[in-house]
Amino acid sequence: METYLDLMLIRFGLIVGALVVLALLVFAIALALKRRGRLDEVRRYADPVVRAGLHAAARRLEGRRDGVSWSRRQDGRR
């Protein structure tokens, strides 16, 4: 049991570490784009993509409330 808990702790640490590195990378890219004056241009292109992703995630989460799994909805059955 102790080995399992150690592995879970290591896994958690790796996931958190990867998220921190990803956040720092995104921040560095945004900072570099801002210094070059291209942040507004990138924001204009990324805005529709982010909105579409958020709408898709909201639709997917709303579908889970009725108790039907996502895989069953893919078959067309409710």
PDB file of N, CA and C in Angstrom:
ATOM      1  N   MET A   1       0.824  -1.191   0.000  1.00  0.00           N
ATOM      2  CA  MET A   1       0.000   0.000   0.000  1.00  0.00           C
ATOM      3  C   MET A   1       0.871   1.259   0.000  1.00  0.00           C
ATOM      4  N   GLU A   2       1.972   1.203   0.716  1.00  0.00           N
ATOM      5  CA  GLU A   2       2.859   2.358   0.781  1.00  0.00           C
ATOM      6  C   GLU A   2       3.488   2.647  -0.585  1.00  0.00           C
ATOM      7  N   THR A   3       3.815   1.584  -1.314  1.00  0.00           N
ATOM      8  CA  THR A   3       4.385   1.754  -2.653  1.00  0.00           C
ATOM      9  C   THR A   3       3.382   2.427  -3.580  1.00  0.00           C
ATOM     10  N   TYR A   4       2.126   2.018  -3.484  1.00  0.00           N
ATOM     11  CA  TYR A   4       1.067   2.611  -4.302  1.00  0.00           C
ATOM     12  C   TYR A   4       0.915   4.105  -4.000  1.00  0.00           C
ATOM     13  N   LEU A   5       0.924   4.448  -2.723  1.00  0.00           N
ATOM     14  CA  LEU A   5       0.806   5.856  -2.346  1.00  0.00           C
ATOM     15  C   LEU A   5       2.006   6.667  -2.821  1.00  0.00           C
ATOM     16  N   ASP A   6       3.189   6.072  -2.761  1.00  0.00           N
ATOM     17  CA  ASP A   6       4.381   6.752  -3.270  1.00  0.00           C
ATOM     18  C   ASP A   6       4.266   7.005  -4.774  1.00  0.00           C
ATOM     19  N   LEU A   7       3.796   6.005  -5.503  1.00  0.00           N
ATOM     20  CA  LEU A   7       3.625   6.170  -6.945  1.00  0.00           C
ATOM     21  C   LEU A   7       2.579   7.237  -7.274  1.00  0.00           C
ATOM     22  N   MET A   8       1.513   7.281  -6.502  1.00  0.00           N
ATOM     23  CA  MET A   8       0.478   8.293  -6.729  1.00  0.00           C
ATOM     24  C   MET A   8       1.021   9.694  -6.437  1.00  0.00           C
ATOM     25  N   LEU A   9       1.838   9.812  -5.398  1.00  0.00           N
ATOM     26  CA  LEU A   9       2.437  11.097  -5.062  1.00  0.00           C
ATOM     27  C   LEU A   9       3.408  11.549  -6.147  1.00  0.00           C
ATOM     28  N   ILE A  10       4.195  10.630  -6.663  1.00  0.00           N
ATOM     29  CA  ILE A  10       5.120  10.947  -7.751  1.00  0.00           C
ATOM     30  C   ILE A  10       4.341  11.363  -8.990  1.00  0.00           C
ATOM     31  N   ARG A  11       3.266  10.646  -9.286  1.00  0.00           N
ATOM     32  CA  ARG A  11       2.425  10.969 -10.441  1.00  0.00           C
ATOM     33  C   ARG A  11       1.817  12.369 -10.286  1.00  0.00           C
ATOM     34  N   PHE A  12       1.317  12.671  -9.119  1.00  0.00           N
ATOM     35  CA  PHE A  12       0.747  13.985  -8.855  1.00  0.00           C
ATOM     36  C   PHE A  12       1.811  15.069  -9.026  1.00  0.00           C
ATOM     37  N   GLY A  13       2.991  14.826  -8.506  1.00  0.00           N
ATOM     38  CA  GLY A  13       4.081  15.791  -8.630  1.00  0.00           C
ATOM     39  C   GLY A  13       4.476  16.022 -10.079  1.00  0.00           C
ATOM     40  N   LEU A  14       4.520  14.968 -10.875  1.00  0.00           N
ATOM     41  CA  LEU A  14       4.857  15.119 -12.285  1.00  0.00           C
ATOM     42  C   LEU A  14       3.790  15.905 -13.039  1.00  0.00           C
ATOM     43  N   ILE A  15       2.532  15.643 -12.738  1.00  0.00           N
ATOM     44  CA  ILE A  15       1.445  16.363 -13.401  1.00  0.00           C
ATOM     45  C   ILE A  15       1.483  17.840 -13.030  1.00  0.00           C
ATOM     46  N   VAL A  16       1.647  18.131 -11.756  1.00  0.00           N
ATOM     47  CA  VAL A  16       1.710  19.530 -11.317  1.00  0.00           C
ATOM     48  C   VAL A  16       2.940  20.218 -11.904  1.00  0.00           C
ATOM     49  N   GLY A  17       4.051  19.535 -11.928  1.00  0.00           N
ATOM     50  CA  GLY A  17       5.263  20.101 -12.515  1.00  0.00           C
ATOM     51  C   GLY A  17       5.084  20.402 -13.995  1.00  0.00           C
ATOM     52  N   ALA A  18       4.447  19.503 -14.725  1.00  0.00           N
ATOM     53  CA  ALA A  18       4.194  19.725 -16.153  1.00  0.00           C
ATOM     54  C   ALA A  18       3.264  20.921 -16.361  1.00  0.00           C
ATOM     55  N   LEU A  19       2.264  21.061 -15.500  1.00  0.00           N
ATOM     56  CA  LEU A  19       1.351  22.203 -15.618  1.00  0.00           C
ATOM     57  C   LEU A  19       2.061  23.521 -15.341  1.00  0.00           C
ATOM     58  N   VAL A  20       2.965  23.518 -14.373  1.00  0.00           N
ATOM     59  CA  VAL A  20       3.730  24.732 -14.067  1.00  0.00           C
ATOM     60  C   VAL A  20       4.637  25.103 -15.239  1.00  0.00           C
ATOM     61  N   VAL A  21       5.303  24.118 -15.808  1.00  0.00           N
ATOM     62  CA  VAL A  21       6.174  24.375 -16.960  1.00  0.00           C
ATOM     63  C   VAL A  21       5.349  24.888 -18.137  1.00  0.00           C
ATOM     64  N   LEU A  22       4.176  24.310 -18.372  1.00  0.00           N
ATOM     65  CA  LEU A  22       3.304  24.760 -19.449  1.00  0.00           C
ATOM     66  C   LEU A  22       2.846  26.198 -19.226  1.00  0.00           C
ATOM     67  N   ALA A  23       2.478  26.523 -17.986  1.00  0.00           N
ATOM     68  CA  ALA A  23       2.050  27.893 -17.679  1.00  0.00           C
ATOM     69  C   ALA A  23       3.195  28.882 -17.888  1.00  0.00           C
ATOM     70  N   LEU A  24       4.397  28.527 -17.480  1.00  0.00           N
ATOM     71  CA  LEU A  24       5.549  29.404 -17.692  1.00  0.00           C
ATOM     72  C   LEU A  24       5.856  29.579 -19.173  1.00  0.00           C
ATOM     73  N   LEU A  25       5.705  28.526 -19.944  1.00  0.00           N
ATOM     74  CA  LEU A  25       5.939  28.594 -21.381  1.00  0.00           C
ATOM     75  C   LEU A  25       4.920  29.512 -22.068  1.00  0.00           C
ATOM     76  N   VAL A  26       3.660  29.376 -21.695  1.00  0.00           N
ATOM     77  CA  VAL A  26       2.616  30.244 -22.261  1.00  0.00           C
ATOM     78  C   VAL A  26       2.877  31.705 -21.870  1.00  0.00           C
ATOM     79  N   PHE A  27       3.264  31.936 -20.633  1.00  0.00           N
ATOM     80  CA  PHE A  27       3.574  33.292 -20.179  1.00  0.00           C
ATOM     81  C   PHE A  27       4.752  33.872 -20.956  1.00  0.00           C
ATOM     82  N   ALA A  28       5.787  33.082 -21.173  1.00  0.00           N
ATOM     83  CA  ALA A  28       6.965  33.568 -21.907  1.00  0.00           C
ATOM     84  C   ALA A  28       6.606  33.890 -23.352  1.00  0.00           C
ATOM     85  N   ILE A  29       5.776  33.062 -23.975  1.00  0.00           N
ATOM     86  CA  ILE A  29       5.362  33.328 -25.352  1.00  0.00           C
ATOM     87  C   ILE A  29       4.527  34.600 -25.415  1.00  0.00           C
ATOM     88  N   ALA A  30       3.595  34.767 -24.472  1.00  0.00           N
ATOM     89  CA  ALA A  30       2.765  35.973 -24.446  1.00  0.00           C
ATOM     90  C   ALA A  30       3.612  37.216 -24.218  1.00  0.00           C
ATOM     91  N   LEU A  31       4.601  37.123 -23.359  1.00  0.00           N
ATOM     92  CA  LEU A  31       5.485  38.255 -23.098  1.00  0.00           C
ATOM     93  C   LEU A  31       6.306  38.618 -24.331  1.00  0.00           C
ATOM     94  N   ALA A  32       6.817  37.608 -25.023  1.00  0.00           N
ATOM     95  CA  ALA A  32       7.587  37.865 -26.240  1.00  0.00           C
ATOM     96  C   ALA A  32       6.712  38.489 -27.321  1.00  0.00           C
ATOM     97  N   LEU A  33       5.480  38.012 -27.455  1.00  0.00           N
ATOM     98  CA  LEU A  33       4.569  38.577 -28.447  1.00  0.00           C
ATOM     99  C   LEU A  33       4.199  40.015 -28.102  1.00  0.00           C
ATOM    100  N   LYS A  34       4.038  40.294 -26.818  1.00  0.00           N
ATOM    101  CA  LYS A  34       3.690  41.654 -26.410  1.00  0.00           C
ATOM    102  C   LYS A  34       4.844  42.609 -26.695  1.00  0.00           C
ATOM    103  N   ARG A  35       6.047  42.179 -26.456  1.00  0.00           N
ATOM    104  CA  ARG A  35       7.210  43.039 -26.703  1.00  0.00           C
ATOM    105  C   ARG A  35       7.370  43.345 -28.183  1.00  0.00           C
ATOM    106  N   ARG A  36       6.969  42.397 -29.038  1.00  0.00           N
ATOM    107  CA  ARG A  36       7.074  42.612 -30.481  1.00  0.00           C
ATOM    108  C   ARG A  36       5.836  43.284 -31.055  1.00  0.00           C
ATOM    109  N   GLY A  37       4.822  43.494 -30.235  1.00  0.00           N
ATOM    110  CA  GLY A  37       3.629  44.173 -30.690  1.00  0.00           C
ATOM    111  C   GLY A  37       2.664  43.305 -31.464  1.00  0.00           C
ATOM    112  N   ARG A  38       2.770  42.008 -31.339  1.00  0.00           N
ATOM    113  CA  ARG A  38       1.914  41.098 -32.091  1.00  0.00           C
ATOM    114  C   ARG A  38       0.885  40.388 -31.223  1.00  0.00           C
ATOM    115  N   LEU A  39       0.786  40.750 -29.969  1.00  0.00           N
ATOM    116  CA  LEU A  39      -0.143  40.068 -29.075  1.00  0.00           C
ATOM    117  C   LEU A  39      -1.590  40.300 -29.497  1.00  0.00           C
ATOM    118  N   ASP A  40      -1.918  41.519 -29.929  1.00  0.00           N
ATOM    119  CA  ASP A  40      -3.285  41.804 -30.371  1.00  0.00           C
ATOM    120  C   ASP A  40      -3.648  40.998 -31.610  1.00  0.00           C
ATOM    121  N   GLU A  41      -2.697  40.825 -32.507  1.00  0.00           N
ATOM    122  CA  GLU A  41      -2.940  40.046 -33.721  1.00  0.00           C
ATOM    123  C   GLU A  41      -3.211  38.576 -33.382  1.00  0.00           C
ATOM    124  N   VAL A  42      -2.400  38.027 -32.501  1.00  0.00           N
ATOM    125  CA  VAL A  42      -2.591  36.635 -32.085  1.00  0.00           C
ATOM    126  C   VAL A  42      -3.905  36.483 -31.332  1.00  0.00           C
ATOM    127  N   ARG A  43      -4.230  37.447 -30.498  1.00  0.00           N
ATOM    128  CA  ARG A  43      -5.478  37.410 -29.743  1.00  0.00           C
ATOM    129  C   ARG A  43      -6.685  37.423 -30.678  1.00  0.00           C
ATOM    130  N   ARG A  44      -6.588  38.187 -31.756  1.00  0.00           N
ATOM    131  CA  ARG A  44      -7.687  38.275 -32.718  1.00  0.00           C
ATOM    132  C   ARG A  44      -7.905  36.925 -33.407  1.00  0.00           C
ATOM    133  N   TYR A  45      -6.820  36.209 -33.719  1.00  0.00           N
ATOM    134  CA  TYR A  45      -6.951  34.897 -34.359  1.00  0.00           C
ATOM    135  C   TYR A  45      -7.382  33.811 -33.363  1.00  0.00           C
ATOM    136  N   ALA A  46      -6.933  33.905 -32.120  1.00  0.00           N
ATOM    137  CA  ALA A  46      -7.200  32.857 -31.139  1.00  0.00           C
ATOM    138  C   ALA A  46      -8.577  32.982 -30.510  1.00  0.00           C
ATOM    139  N   ASP A  47      -9.165  34.173 -30.507  1.00  0.00           N
ATOM    140  CA  ASP A  47     -10.444  34.388 -29.844  1.00  0.00           C
ATOM    141  C   ASP A  47     -11.556  33.479 -30.376  1.00  0.00           C
ATOM    142  N   PRO A  48     -11.761  33.345 -31.699  1.00  0.00           N
ATOM    143  CA  PRO A  48     -12.821  32.448 -32.171  1.00  0.00           C
ATOM    144  C   PRO A  48     -12.563  30.981 -31.815  1.00  0.00           C
ATOM    145  N   VAL A  49     -11.318  30.585 -31.807  1.00  0.00           N
ATOM    146  CA  VAL A  49     -10.986  29.195 -31.477  1.00  0.00           C
ATOM    147  C   VAL A  49     -11.307  28.905 -30.012  1.00  0.00           C
ATOM    148  N   VAL A  50     -10.946  29.829 -29.136  1.00  0.00           N
ATOM    149  CA  VAL A  50     -11.215  29.654 -27.700  1.00  0.00           C
ATOM    150  C   VAL A  50     -12.717  29.652 -27.441  1.00  0.00           C
ATOM    151  N   ARG A  51     -13.440  30.561 -28.087  1.00  0.00           N
ATOM    152  CA  ARG A  51     -14.895  30.602 -27.904  1.00  0.00           C
ATOM    153  C   ARG A  51     -15.551  29.305 -28.364  1.00  0.00           C
ATOM    154  N   ALA A  52     -15.128  28.781 -29.510  1.00  0.00           N
ATOM    155  CA  ALA A  52     -15.700  27.528 -30.016  1.00  0.00           C
ATOM    156  C   ALA A  52     -15.396  26.373 -29.062  1.00  0.00           C
ATOM    157  N   GLY A  53     -14.187  26.350 -28.531  1.00  0.00           N
ATOM    158  CA  GLY A  53     -13.835  25.299 -27.571  1.00  0.00           C
ATOM    159  C   GLY A  53     -14.657  25.378 -26.299  1.00  0.00           C
ATOM    160  N   LEU A  54     -14.870  26.598 -25.807  1.00  0.00           N
ATOM    161  CA  LEU A  54     -15.678  26.767 -24.596  1.00  0.00           C
ATOM    162  C   LEU A  54     -17.133  26.386 -24.835  1.00  0.00           C
ATOM    163  N   HIS A  55     -17.668  26.733 -26.000  1.00  0.00           N
ATOM    164  CA  HIS A  55     -19.045  26.361 -26.317  1.00  0.00           C
ATOM    165  C   HIS A  55     -19.182  24.837 -26.430  1.00  0.00           C
ATOM    166  N   ALA A  56     -18.197  24.192 -27.058  1.00  0.00           N
ATOM    167  CA  ALA A  56     -18.236  22.734 -27.184  1.00  0.00           C
ATOM    168  C   ALA A  56     -18.151  22.067 -25.806  1.00  0.00           C
ATOM    169  N   ALA A  57     -17.296  22.599 -24.941  1.00  0.00           N
ATOM    170  CA  ALA A  57     -17.182  22.033 -23.589  1.00  0.00           C
ATOM    171  C   ALA A  57     -18.471  22.238 -22.805  1.00  0.00           C
ATOM    172  N   ALA A  58     -19.105  23.406 -22.969  1.00  0.00           N
ATOM    173  CA  ALA A  58     -20.361  23.666 -22.262  1.00  0.00           C
ATOM    174  C   ALA A  58     -21.461  22.725 -22.749  1.00  0.00           C
ATOM    175  N   ARG A  59     -21.531  22.515 -24.066  1.00  0.00           N
ATOM    176  CA  ARG A  59     -22.534  21.581 -24.596  1.00  0.00           C
ATOM    177  C   ARG A  59     -22.302  20.170 -24.072  1.00  0.00           C
ATOM    178  N   ARG A  60     -21.043  19.785 -24.005  1.00  0.00           N
ATOM    179  CA  ARG A  60     -20.726  18.433 -23.538  1.00  0.00           C
ATOM    180  C   ARG A  60     -21.081  18.267 -22.064  1.00  0.00           C
ATOM    181  N   LEU A  61     -20.802  19.290 -21.250  1.00  0.00           N
ATOM    182  CA  LEU A  61     -21.131  19.211 -19.828  1.00  0.00           C
ATOM    183  C   LEU A  61     -22.640  19.250 -19.597  1.00  0.00           C
ATOM    184  N   GLU A  62     -23.371  20.014 -20.395  1.00  0.00           N
ATOM    185  CA  GLU A  62     -24.824  20.060 -20.257  1.00  0.00           C
ATOM    186  C   GLU A  62     -25.446  18.719 -20.586  1.00  0.00           C
ATOM    187  N   GLY A  63     -24.872  18.000 -21.517  1.00  0.00           N
ATOM    188  CA  GLY A  63     -25.403  16.689 -21.900  1.00  0.00           C
ATOM    189  C   GLY A  63     -25.246  15.650 -20.816  1.00  0.00           C
ATOM    190  N   ARG A  64     -24.308  15.827 -19.922  1.00  0.00           N
ATOM    191  CA  ARG A  64     -24.084  14.841 -18.853  1.00  0.00           C
ATOM    192  C   ARG A  64     -25.126  14.932 -17.760  1.00  0.00           C
ATOM    193  N   ARG A  65     -25.839  16.025 -17.685  1.00  0.00           N
ATOM    194  CA  ARG A  65     -26.815  16.195 -16.616  1.00  0.00           C
ATOM    195  C   ARG A  65     -28.011  15.264 -16.769  1.00  0.00           C
ATOM    196  N   ASP A  66     -28.329  14.863 -18.009  1.00  0.00           N
ATOM    197  CA  ASP A  66     -29.508  14.022 -18.194  1.00  0.00           C
ATOM    198  C   ASP A  66     -29.222  12.538 -17.978  1.00  0.00           C
ATOM    199  N   GLY A  67     -27.992  12.203 -17.603  1.00  0.00           N
ATOM    200  CA  GLY A  67     -27.668  10.827 -17.256  1.00  0.00           C
ATOM    201  C   GLY A  67     -27.278   9.953 -18.430  1.00  0.00           C
ATOM    202  N   VAL A  68     -27.190  10.496 -19.623  1.00  0.00           N
ATOM    203  CA  VAL A  68     -26.826   9.730 -20.796  1.00  0.00           C
ATOM    204  C   VAL A  68     -25.338   9.905 -21.031  1.00  0.00           C
ATOM    205  N   SER A  69     -24.655   8.798 -21.255  1.00  0.00           N
ATOM    206  CA  SER A  69     -23.220   8.891 -21.458  1.00  0.00           C
ATOM    207  C   SER A  69     -22.916   9.464 -22.833  1.00  0.00           C
ATOM    208  N   TRP A  70     -21.713  10.017 -22.992  1.00  0.00           N
ATOM    209  CA  TRP A  70     -21.310  10.626 -24.243  1.00  0.00           C
ATOM    210  C   TRP A  70     -21.248   9.594 -25.359  1.00  0.00           C
ATOM    211  N   SER A  71     -20.803   8.368 -25.067  1.00  0.00           N
ATOM    212  CA  SER A  71     -20.666   7.347 -26.100  1.00  0.00           C
ATOM    213  C   SER A  71     -22.030   6.918 -26.643  1.00  0.00           C
ATOM    214  N   ARG A  72     -23.060   6.901 -25.809  1.00  0.00           N
ATOM    215  CA  ARG A  72     -24.389   6.536 -26.307  1.00  0.00           C
ATOM    216  C   ARG A  72     -24.950   7.621 -27.203  1.00  0.00           C
ATOM    217  N   ARG A  73     -24.658   8.888 -26.907  1.00  0.00           N
ATOM    218  CA  ARG A  73     -25.154   9.974 -27.745  1.00  0.00           C
ATOM    219  C   ARG A  73     -24.474   9.951 -29.103  1.00  0.00           C
ATOM    220  N   GLN A  74     -23.252   9.451 -29.182  1.00  0.00           N
ATOM    221  CA  GLN A  74     -22.550   9.370 -30.451  1.00  0.00           C
ATOM    222  C   GLN A  74     -23.248   8.379 -31.389  1.00  0.00           C
ATOM    223  N   ASP A  75     -23.877   7.360 -30.840  1.00  0.00           N
ATOM    224  CA  ASP A  75     -24.592   6.379 -31.654  1.00  0.00           C
ATOM    225  C   ASP A  75     -25.925   6.910 -32.135  1.00  0.00           C
ATOM    226  N   GLY A  76     -26.344   8.045 -31.645  1.00  0.00           N
ATOM    227  CA  GLY A  76     -27.618   8.607 -32.040  1.00  0.00           C
ATOM    228  C   GLY A  76     -28.766   8.163 -31.158  1.00  0.00           C
ATOM    229  N   ARG A  77     -28.480   7.313 -30.187  1.00  0.00           N
ATOM    230  CA  ARG A  77     -29.540   6.858 -29.264  1.00  0.00           C
ATOM    231  C   ARG A  77     -29.516   7.691 -28.020  1.00  0.00           C
ATOM    232  N   ARG A  78     -30.663   7.940 -27.446  1.00  0.00           N
ATOM    233  CA  ARG A  78     -30.737   8.683 -26.194  1.00  0.00           C
ATOM    234  C   ARG A  78     -31.252   7.823 -25.142  1.00  0.00           C
TER     235      ARG A  78
END
